[in-house]
Amino acid sequence: MILDNIYNHYEKLVFDEVLAYQSKESRTFDESMLEDVVCVALNNLPSRYVRHSVDIAFYLTIPERVQMDTLVRNAVEEAFSLVTKNPHED
């Protein structure tokens, strides 16, 4: 489909930050918990839809990029805190 190239840029940033957080904690979280963390974090971030990653790199200023990274880091930390305190029961 023609719209297959459109995605939320925050998804990749959140996925990368979740993996970095897990590594930093020297702890492995199960897949279900990681999925919950990603969902909670993404729901607490604005959407930023792009066609190509280069689009975002080209149009963002350095302060905007730093702000995005900070927003993502904070959203992921808060999501891990919430999900570990209230684990999803399957």
PDB file of N, CA and C in Angstrom:
ATOM      1  N   MET A   1       0.852  -1.184   0.000  1.00  0.00           N
ATOM      2  CA  MET A   1       0.000   0.000   0.000  1.00  0.00           C
ATOM      3  C   MET A   1       0.890   1.237   0.000  1.00  0.00           C
ATOM      4  N   ILE A   2       0.407   2.288  -0.536  1.00  0.00           N
ATOM      5  CA  ILE A   2       1.176   3.519  -0.664  1.00  0.00           C
ATOM      6  C   ILE A   2       1.508   4.151   0.690  1.00  0.00           C
ATOM      7  N   LEU A   3       0.721   3.904   1.712  1.00  0.00           N
ATOM      8  CA  LEU A   3       0.937   4.522   3.020  1.00  0.00           C
ATOM      9  C   LEU A   3       1.842   3.701   3.937  1.00  0.00           C
ATOM     10  N   ASP A   4       2.410   2.619   3.433  1.00  0.00           N
ATOM     11  CA  ASP A   4       3.273   1.765   4.254  1.00  0.00           C
ATOM     12  C   ASP A   4       4.555   2.444   4.706  1.00  0.00           C
ATOM     13  N   ASN A   5       4.925   3.545   4.070  1.00  0.00           N
ATOM     14  CA  ASN A   5       6.172   4.227   4.403  1.00  0.00           C
ATOM     15  C   ASN A   5       6.026   5.245   5.525  1.00  0.00           C
ATOM     16  N   ILE A   6       4.838   5.410   6.052  1.00  0.00           N
ATOM     17  CA  ILE A   6       4.595   6.416   7.082  1.00  0.00           C
ATOM     18  C   ILE A   6       4.636   5.752   8.455  1.00  0.00           C
ATOM     19  N   TYR A   7       5.397   6.345   9.365  1.00  0.00           N
ATOM     20  CA  TYR A   7       5.462   5.804  10.721  1.00  0.00           C
ATOM     21  C   TYR A   7       5.743   6.911  11.733  1.00  0.00           C
ATOM     22  N   ASN A   8       5.487   6.608  12.975  1.00  0.00           N
ATOM     23  CA  ASN A   8       5.732   7.542  14.073  1.00  0.00           C
ATOM     24  C   ASN A   8       7.212   7.454  14.445  1.00  0.00           C
ATOM     25  N   HIS A   9       7.929   8.531  14.268  1.00  0.00           N
ATOM     26  CA  HIS A   9       9.373   8.550  14.532  1.00  0.00           C
ATOM     27  C   HIS A   9       9.691   8.195  15.990  1.00  0.00           C
ATOM     28  N   TYR A  10       8.797   8.509  16.893  1.00  0.00           N
ATOM     29  CA  TYR A  10       9.037   8.207  18.306  1.00  0.00           C
ATOM     30  C   TYR A  10       9.127   6.706  18.575  1.00  0.00           C
ATOM     31  N   GLU A  11       8.523   5.874  17.715  1.00  0.00           N
ATOM     32  CA  GLU A  11       8.572   4.425  17.945  1.00  0.00           C
ATOM     33  C   GLU A  11      10.015   3.927  18.001  1.00  0.00           C
ATOM     34  N   LYS A  12      10.815   4.271  17.014  1.00  0.00           N
ATOM     35  CA  LYS A  12      12.211   3.824  16.996  1.00  0.00           C
ATOM     36  C   LYS A  12      12.982   4.388  18.181  1.00  0.00           C
ATOM     37  N   LEU A  13      12.758   5.646  18.498  1.00  0.00           N
ATOM     38  CA  LEU A  13      13.449   6.254  19.641  1.00  0.00           C
ATOM     39  C   LEU A  13      13.090   5.536  20.939  1.00  0.00           C
ATOM     40  N   VAL A  14      11.809   5.206  21.107  1.00  0.00           N
ATOM     41  CA  VAL A  14      11.370   4.501  22.321  1.00  0.00           C
ATOM     42  C   VAL A  14      11.940   3.090  22.354  1.00  0.00           C
ATOM     43  N   PHE A  15      11.899   2.360  21.239  1.00  0.00           N
ATOM     44  CA  PHE A  15      12.463   1.004  21.211  1.00  0.00           C
ATOM     45  C   PHE A  15      13.931   1.035  21.618  1.00  0.00           C
ATOM     46  N   ASP A  16      14.691   1.972  21.051  1.00  0.00           N
ATOM     47  CA  ASP A  16      16.118   2.073  21.369  1.00  0.00           C
ATOM     48  C   ASP A  16      16.336   2.410  22.843  1.00  0.00           C
ATOM     49  N   GLU A  17      15.527   3.315  23.366  1.00  0.00           N
ATOM     50  CA  GLU A  17      15.670   3.715  24.765  1.00  0.00           C
ATOM     51  C   GLU A  17      15.283   2.588  25.715  1.00  0.00           C
ATOM     52  N   VAL A  18      14.281   1.805  25.368  1.00  0.00           N
ATOM     53  CA  VAL A  18      13.876   0.656  26.188  1.00  0.00           C
ATOM     54  C   VAL A  18      15.020  -0.350  26.271  1.00  0.00           C
ATOM     55  N   LEU A  19      15.663  -0.628  25.147  1.00  0.00           N
ATOM     56  CA  LEU A  19      16.798  -1.554  25.149  1.00  0.00           C
ATOM     57  C   LEU A  19      17.962  -0.992  25.954  1.00  0.00           C
ATOM     58  N   ALA A  20      18.223   0.303  25.833  1.00  0.00           N
ATOM     59  CA  ALA A  20      19.297   0.941  26.594  1.00  0.00           C
ATOM     60  C   ALA A  20      19.000   0.895  28.094  1.00  0.00           C
ATOM     61  N   TYR A  21      17.743   1.142  28.458  1.00  0.00           N
ATOM     62  CA  TYR A  21      17.346   1.113  29.866  1.00  0.00           C
ATOM     63  C   TYR A  21      17.532  -0.288  30.433  1.00  0.00           C
ATOM     64  N   GLN A  22      17.098  -1.279  29.686  1.00  0.00           N
ATOM     65  CA  GLN A  22      17.220  -2.668  30.130  1.00  0.00           C
ATOM     66  C   GLN A  22      18.688  -3.033  30.327  1.00  0.00           C
ATOM     67  N   SER A  23      19.530  -2.612  29.422  1.00  0.00           N
ATOM     68  CA  SER A  23      20.968  -2.878  29.514  1.00  0.00           C
ATOM     69  C   SER A  23      21.576  -2.152  30.714  1.00  0.00           C
ATOM     70  N   LYS A  24      21.183  -0.901  30.898  1.00  0.00           N
ATOM     71  CA  LYS A  24      21.693  -0.093  32.017  1.00  0.00           C
ATOM     72  C   LYS A  24      21.322  -0.716  33.363  1.00  0.00           C
ATOM     73  N   GLU A  25      20.130  -1.290  33.423  1.00  0.00           N
ATOM     74  CA  GLU A  25      19.661  -1.910  34.658  1.00  0.00           C
ATOM     75  C   GLU A  25      20.266  -3.294  34.880  1.00  0.00           C
ATOM     76  N   SER A  26      20.980  -3.789  33.864  1.00  0.00           N
ATOM     77  CA  SER A  26      21.558  -5.146  33.926  1.00  0.00           C
ATOM     78  C   SER A  26      20.499  -6.161  34.323  1.00  0.00           C
ATOM     79  N   ARG A  27      19.366  -6.007  33.713  1.00  0.00           N
ATOM     80  CA  ARG A  27      18.222  -6.853  34.029  1.00  0.00           C
ATOM     81  C   ARG A  27      17.457  -7.140  32.748  1.00  0.00           C
ATOM     82  N   THR A  28      16.922  -8.330  32.631  1.00  0.00           N
ATOM     83  CA  THR A  28      16.125  -8.675  31.461  1.00  0.00           C
ATOM     84  C   THR A  28      14.657  -8.703  31.865  1.00  0.00           C
ATOM     85  N   PHE A  29      13.866  -7.936  31.154  1.00  0.00           N
ATOM     86  CA  PHE A  29      12.428  -7.888  31.387  1.00  0.00           C
ATOM     87  C   PHE A  29      11.755  -8.795  30.375  1.00  0.00           C
ATOM     88  N   ASP A  30      10.647  -9.433  30.756  1.00  0.00           N
ATOM     89  CA  ASP A  30       9.987 -10.315  29.799  1.00  0.00           C
ATOM     90  C   ASP A  30       9.317  -9.498  28.696  1.00  0.00           C
ATOM     91  N   GLU A  31       9.020 -10.175  27.605  1.00  0.00           N
ATOM     92  CA  GLU A  31       8.502  -9.506  26.415  1.00  0.00           C
ATOM     93  C   GLU A  31       7.189  -8.781  26.685  1.00  0.00           C
ATOM     94  N   SER A  32       6.326  -9.378  27.476  1.00  0.00           N
ATOM     95  CA  SER A  32       5.046  -8.759  27.789  1.00  0.00           C
ATOM     96  C   SER A  32       5.245  -7.433  28.523  1.00  0.00           C
ATOM     97  N   MET A  33       6.183  -7.426  29.466  1.00  0.00           N
ATOM     98  CA  MET A  33       6.457  -6.199  30.216  1.00  0.00           C
ATOM     99  C   MET A  33       7.037  -5.126  29.291  1.00  0.00           C
ATOM    100  N   LEU A  34       7.946  -5.530  28.405  1.00  0.00           N
ATOM    101  CA  LEU A  34       8.537  -4.563  27.477  1.00  0.00           C
ATOM    102  C   LEU A  34       7.474  -3.980  26.550  1.00  0.00           C
ATOM    103  N   GLU A  35       6.546  -4.807  26.114  1.00  0.00           N
ATOM    104  CA  GLU A  35       5.459  -4.312  25.264  1.00  0.00           C
ATOM    105  C   GLU A  35       4.618  -3.291  26.019  1.00  0.00           C
ATOM    106  N   ASP A  36       4.325  -3.568  27.283  1.00  0.00           N
ATOM    107  CA  ASP A  36       3.557  -2.616  28.094  1.00  0.00           C
ATOM    108  C   ASP A  36       4.332  -1.309  28.266  1.00  0.00           C
ATOM    109  N   VAL A  37       5.637  -1.407  28.509  1.00  0.00           N
ATOM    110  CA  VAL A  37       6.469  -0.213  28.683  1.00  0.00           C
ATOM    111  C   VAL A  37       6.447   0.627  27.408  1.00  0.00           C
ATOM    112  N   VAL A  38       6.620  -0.015  26.270  1.00  0.00           N
ATOM    113  CA  VAL A  38       6.614   0.711  24.998  1.00  0.00           C
ATOM    114  C   VAL A  38       5.272   1.403  24.788  1.00  0.00           C
ATOM    115  N   CYS A  39       4.174   0.708  25.035  1.00  0.00           N
ATOM    116  CA  CYS A  39       2.840   1.300  24.857  1.00  0.00           C
ATOM    117  C   CYS A  39       2.629   2.494  25.783  1.00  0.00           C
ATOM    118  N   VAL A  40       2.990   2.341  27.045  1.00  0.00           N
ATOM    119  CA  VAL A  40       2.807   3.436  28.003  1.00  0.00           C
ATOM    120  C   VAL A  40       3.665   4.636  27.589  1.00  0.00           C
ATOM    121  N   ALA A  41       4.914   4.391  27.240  1.00  0.00           N
ATOM    122  CA  ALA A  41       5.806   5.488  26.847  1.00  0.00           C
ATOM    123  C   ALA A  41       5.279   6.201  25.606  1.00  0.00           C
ATOM    124  N   LEU A  42       4.900   5.437  24.579  1.00  0.00           N
ATOM    125  CA  LEU A  42       4.406   6.060  23.349  1.00  0.00           C
ATOM    126  C   LEU A  42       3.111   6.834  23.579  1.00  0.00           C
ATOM    127  N   ASN A  43       2.256   6.337  24.464  1.00  0.00           N
ATOM    128  CA  ASN A  43       1.017   7.050  24.755  1.00  0.00           C
ATOM    129  C   ASN A  43       1.250   8.354  25.501  1.00  0.00           C
ATOM    130  N   ASN A  44       2.429   8.511  26.082  1.00  0.00           N
ATOM    131  CA  ASN A  44       2.755   9.741  26.792  1.00  0.00           C
ATOM    132  C   ASN A  44       3.642  10.678  25.983  1.00  0.00           C
ATOM    133  N   LEU A  45       3.816  10.372  24.713  1.00  0.00           N
ATOM    134  CA  LEU A  45       4.606  11.221  23.818  1.00  0.00           C
ATOM    135  C   LEU A  45       3.721  11.714  22.681  1.00  0.00           C
ATOM    136  N   PRO A  46       4.076  12.874  22.125  1.00  0.00           N
ATOM    137  CA  PRO A  46       3.313  13.323  20.953  1.00  0.00           C
ATOM    138  C   PRO A  46       3.654  12.442  19.756  1.00  0.00           C
ATOM    139  N   SER A  47       2.812  12.442  18.767  1.00  0.00           N
ATOM    140  CA  SER A  47       3.111  11.710  17.531  1.00  0.00           C
ATOM    141  C   SER A  47       3.947  12.591  16.623  1.00  0.00           C
ATOM    142  N   ARG A  48       4.877  11.968  15.938  1.00  0.00           N
ATOM    143  CA  ARG A  48       5.710  12.695  14.965  1.00  0.00           C
ATOM    144  C   ARG A  48       5.862  11.790  13.754  1.00  0.00           C
ATOM    145  N   TYR A  49       4.925  11.903  12.828  1.00  0.00           N
ATOM    146  CA  TYR A  49       4.903  11.005  11.676  1.00  0.00           C
ATOM    147  C   TYR A  49       5.828  11.497  10.577  1.00  0.00           C
ATOM    148  N   VAL A  50       6.564  10.555  10.019  1.00  0.00           N
ATOM    149  CA  VAL A  50       7.512  10.845   8.944  1.00  0.00           C
ATOM    150  C   VAL A  50       7.443   9.735   7.907  1.00  0.00           C
ATOM    151  N   ARG A  51       8.017  10.022   6.752  1.00  0.00           N
ATOM    152  CA  ARG A  51       8.142   9.001   5.714  1.00  0.00           C
ATOM    153  C   ARG A  51       9.509   8.338   5.783  1.00  0.00           C
ATOM    154  N   HIS A  52      10.519   9.107   6.123  1.00  0.00           N
ATOM    155  CA  HIS A  52      11.890   8.597   6.165  1.00  0.00           C
ATOM    156  C   HIS A  52      12.605   9.214   7.359  1.00  0.00           C
ATOM    157  N   SER A  53      13.476   8.452   7.974  1.00  0.00           N
ATOM    158  CA  SER A  53      14.234   8.972   9.122  1.00  0.00           C
ATOM    159  C   SER A  53      15.024  10.210   8.748  1.00  0.00           C
ATOM    160  N   VAL A  54      15.501  10.257   7.532  1.00  0.00           N
ATOM    161  CA  VAL A  54      16.274  11.416   7.096  1.00  0.00           C
ATOM    162  C   VAL A  54      15.420  12.684   7.120  1.00  0.00           C
ATOM    163  N   ASP A  55      14.112  12.557   6.955  1.00  0.00           N
ATOM    164  CA  ASP A  55      13.227  13.719   7.022  1.00  0.00           C
ATOM    165  C   ASP A  55      13.353  14.411   8.376  1.00  0.00           C
ATOM    166  N   ILE A  56      13.323  13.636   9.417  1.00  0.00           N
ATOM    167  CA  ILE A  56      13.377  14.203  10.764  1.00  0.00           C
ATOM    168  C   ILE A  56      14.758  14.787  11.043  1.00  0.00           C
ATOM    169  N   ALA A  57      15.797  14.114  10.614  1.00  0.00           N
ATOM    170  CA  ALA A  57      17.156  14.602  10.826  1.00  0.00           C
ATOM    171  C   ALA A  57      17.386  15.924  10.096  1.00  0.00           C
ATOM    172  N   PHE A  58      16.803  16.055   8.930  1.00  0.00           N
ATOM    173  CA  PHE A  58      16.988  17.258   8.119  1.00  0.00           C
ATOM    174  C   PHE A  58      16.249  18.461   8.689  1.00  0.00           C
ATOM    175  N   TYR A  59      15.059  18.243   9.206  1.00  0.00           N
ATOM    176  CA  TYR A  59      14.209  19.348   9.622  1.00  0.00           C
ATOM    177  C   TYR A  59      14.323  19.739  11.093  1.00  0.00           C
ATOM    178  N   LEU A  60      14.918  18.900  11.931  1.00  0.00           N
ATOM    179  CA  LEU A  60      15.034  19.232  13.351  1.00  0.00           C
ATOM    180  C   LEU A  60      16.286  20.048  13.634  1.00  0.00           C
ATOM    181  N   THR A  61      16.125  21.021  14.507  1.00  0.00           N
ATOM    182  CA  THR A  61      17.306  21.738  14.995  1.00  0.00           C
ATOM    183  C   THR A  61      17.934  20.905  16.113  1.00  0.00           C
ATOM    184  N   ILE A  62      19.147  21.232  16.491  1.00  0.00           N
ATOM    185  CA  ILE A  62      19.815  20.498  17.568  1.00  0.00           C
ATOM    186  C   ILE A  62      19.030  20.615  18.873  1.00  0.00           C
ATOM    187  N   PRO A  63      18.555  21.798  19.258  1.00  0.00           N
ATOM    188  CA  PRO A  63      17.745  21.871  20.488  1.00  0.00           C
ATOM    189  C   PRO A  63      16.474  21.022  20.424  1.00  0.00           C
ATOM    190  N   GLU A  64      15.838  20.954  19.250  1.00  0.00           N
ATOM    191  CA  GLU A  64      14.647  20.112  19.119  1.00  0.00           C
ATOM    192  C   GLU A  64      14.997  18.636  19.279  1.00  0.00           C
ATOM    193  N   ARG A  65      16.123  18.233  18.726  1.00  0.00           N
ATOM    194  CA  ARG A  65      16.568  16.839  18.836  1.00  0.00           C
ATOM    195  C   ARG A  65      16.877  16.499  20.300  1.00  0.00           C
ATOM    196  N   VAL A  66      17.548  17.396  20.995  1.00  0.00           N
ATOM    197  CA  VAL A  66      17.849  17.187  22.413  1.00  0.00           C
ATOM    198  C   VAL A  66      16.558  17.084  23.212  1.00  0.00           C
ATOM    199  N   GLN A  67      15.593  17.938  22.890  1.00  0.00           N
ATOM    200  CA  GLN A  67      14.299  17.903  23.590  1.00  0.00           C
ATOM    201  C   GLN A  67      13.590  16.576  23.337  1.00  0.00           C
ATOM    202  N   MET A  68      13.618  16.090  22.092  1.00  0.00           N
ATOM    203  CA  MET A  68      12.996  14.799  21.782  1.00  0.00           C
ATOM    204  C   MET A  68      13.651  13.680  22.587  1.00  0.00           C
ATOM    205  N   ASP A  69      14.977  13.678  22.626  1.00  0.00           N
ATOM    206  CA  ASP A  69      15.695  12.642  23.372  1.00  0.00           C
ATOM    207  C   ASP A  69      15.346  12.683  24.855  1.00  0.00           C
ATOM    208  N   THR A  70      15.231  13.875  25.406  1.00  0.00           N
ATOM    209  CA  THR A  70      14.874  14.028  26.815  1.00  0.00           C
ATOM    210  C   THR A  70      13.450  13.545  27.064  1.00  0.00           C
ATOM    211  N   LEU A  71      12.527  13.919  26.188  1.00  0.00           N
ATOM    212  CA  LEU A  71      11.137  13.466  26.322  1.00  0.00           C
ATOM    213  C   LEU A  71      11.054  11.947  26.292  1.00  0.00           C
ATOM    214  N   VAL A  72      11.793  11.336  25.374  1.00  0.00           N
ATOM    215  CA  VAL A  72      11.773   9.877  25.242  1.00  0.00           C
ATOM    216  C   VAL A  72      12.371   9.226  26.481  1.00  0.00           C
ATOM    217  N   ARG A  73      13.511   9.703  26.935  1.00  0.00           N
ATOM    218  CA  ARG A  73      14.156   9.127  28.125  1.00  0.00           C
ATOM    219  C   ARG A  73      13.231   9.204  29.330  1.00  0.00           C
ATOM    220  N   ASN A  74      12.605  10.361  29.536  1.00  0.00           N
ATOM    221  CA  ASN A  74      11.695  10.525  30.671  1.00  0.00           C
ATOM    222  C   ASN A  74      10.456   9.633  30.538  1.00  0.00           C
ATOM    223  N   ALA A  75       9.897   9.549  29.331  1.00  0.00           N
ATOM    224  CA  ALA A  75       8.703   8.719  29.112  1.00  0.00           C
ATOM    225  C   ALA A  75       9.010   7.253  29.373  1.00  0.00           C
ATOM    226  N   VAL A  76      10.179   6.792  28.941  1.00  0.00           N
ATOM    227  CA  VAL A  76      10.559   5.390  29.144  1.00  0.00           C
ATOM    228  C   VAL A  76      10.815   5.112  30.619  1.00  0.00           C
ATOM    229  N   GLU A  77      11.509   5.998  31.299  1.00  0.00           N
ATOM    230  CA  GLU A  77      11.765   5.802  32.733  1.00  0.00           C
ATOM    231  C   GLU A  77      10.455   5.755  33.512  1.00  0.00           C
ATOM    232  N   GLU A  78       9.541   6.665  33.208  1.00  0.00           N
ATOM    233  CA  GLU A  78       8.241   6.683  33.881  1.00  0.00           C
ATOM    234  C   GLU A  78       7.433   5.427  33.556  1.00  0.00           C
ATOM    235  N   ALA A  79       7.520   4.982  32.313  1.00  0.00           N
ATOM    236  CA  ALA A  79       6.787   3.778  31.910  1.00  0.00           C
ATOM    237  C   ALA A  79       7.323   2.547  32.635  1.00  0.00           C
ATOM    238  N   PHE A  80       8.648   2.415  32.733  1.00  0.00           N
ATOM    239  CA  PHE A  80       9.221   1.285  33.467  1.00  0.00           C
ATOM    240  C   PHE A  80       8.787   1.329  34.928  1.00  0.00           C
ATOM    241  N   SER A  81       8.802   2.499  35.516  1.00  0.00           N
ATOM    242  CA  SER A  81       8.388   2.639  36.910  1.00  0.00           C
ATOM    243  C   SER A  81       6.935   2.204  37.090  1.00  0.00           C
ATOM    244  N   LEU A  82       6.063   2.680  36.238  1.00  0.00           N
ATOM    245  CA  LEU A  82       4.643   2.341  36.337  1.00  0.00           C
ATOM    246  C   LEU A  82       4.405   0.854  36.104  1.00  0.00           C
ATOM    247  N   VAL A  83       5.015   0.309  35.068  1.00  0.00           N
ATOM    248  CA  VAL A  83       4.756  -1.098  34.713  1.00  0.00           C
ATOM    249  C   VAL A  83       5.364  -2.056  35.737  1.00  0.00           C
ATOM    250  N   THR A  84       6.526  -1.731  36.291  1.00  0.00           N
ATOM    251  CA  THR A  84       7.109  -2.639  37.294  1.00  0.00           C
ATOM    252  C   THR A  84       6.329  -2.586  38.608  1.00  0.00           C
ATOM    253  N   LYS A  85       5.711  -1.441  38.907  1.00  0.00           N
ATOM    254  CA  LYS A  85       4.888  -1.335  40.111  1.00  0.00           C
ATOM    255  C   LYS A  85       3.527  -1.994  39.935  1.00  0.00           C
ATOM    256  N   ASN A  86       3.041  -2.020  38.707  1.00  0.00           N
ATOM    257  CA  ASN A  86       1.721  -2.555  38.388  1.00  0.00           C
ATOM    258  C   ASN A  86       1.820  -3.527  37.206  1.00  0.00           C
ATOM    259  N   PRO A  87       2.435  -4.677  37.419  1.00  0.00           N
ATOM    260  CA  PRO A  87       2.622  -5.605  36.290  1.00  0.00           C
ATOM    261  C   PRO A  87       1.288  -6.087  35.728  1.00  0.00           C
ATOM    262  N   HIS A  88       1.278  -6.254  34.422  1.00  0.00           N
ATOM    263  CA  HIS A  88       0.091  -6.748  33.721  1.00  0.00           C
ATOM    264  C   HIS A  88      -0.052  -8.235  33.971  1.00  0.00           C
ATOM    265  N   GLU A  89      -1.220  -8.640  34.384  1.00  0.00           N
ATOM    266  CA  GLU A  89      -1.482 -10.050  34.636  1.00  0.00           C
ATOM    267  C   GLU A  89      -2.122 -10.648  33.396  1.00  0.00           C
ATOM    268  N   ASP A  90      -1.476 -11.662  32.794  1.00  0.00           N
ATOM    269  CA  ASP A  90      -2.040 -12.329  31.597  1.00  0.00           C
ATOM    270  C   ASP A  90      -3.053 -13.366  31.980  1.00  0.00           C
TER     271      ASP A  90
END
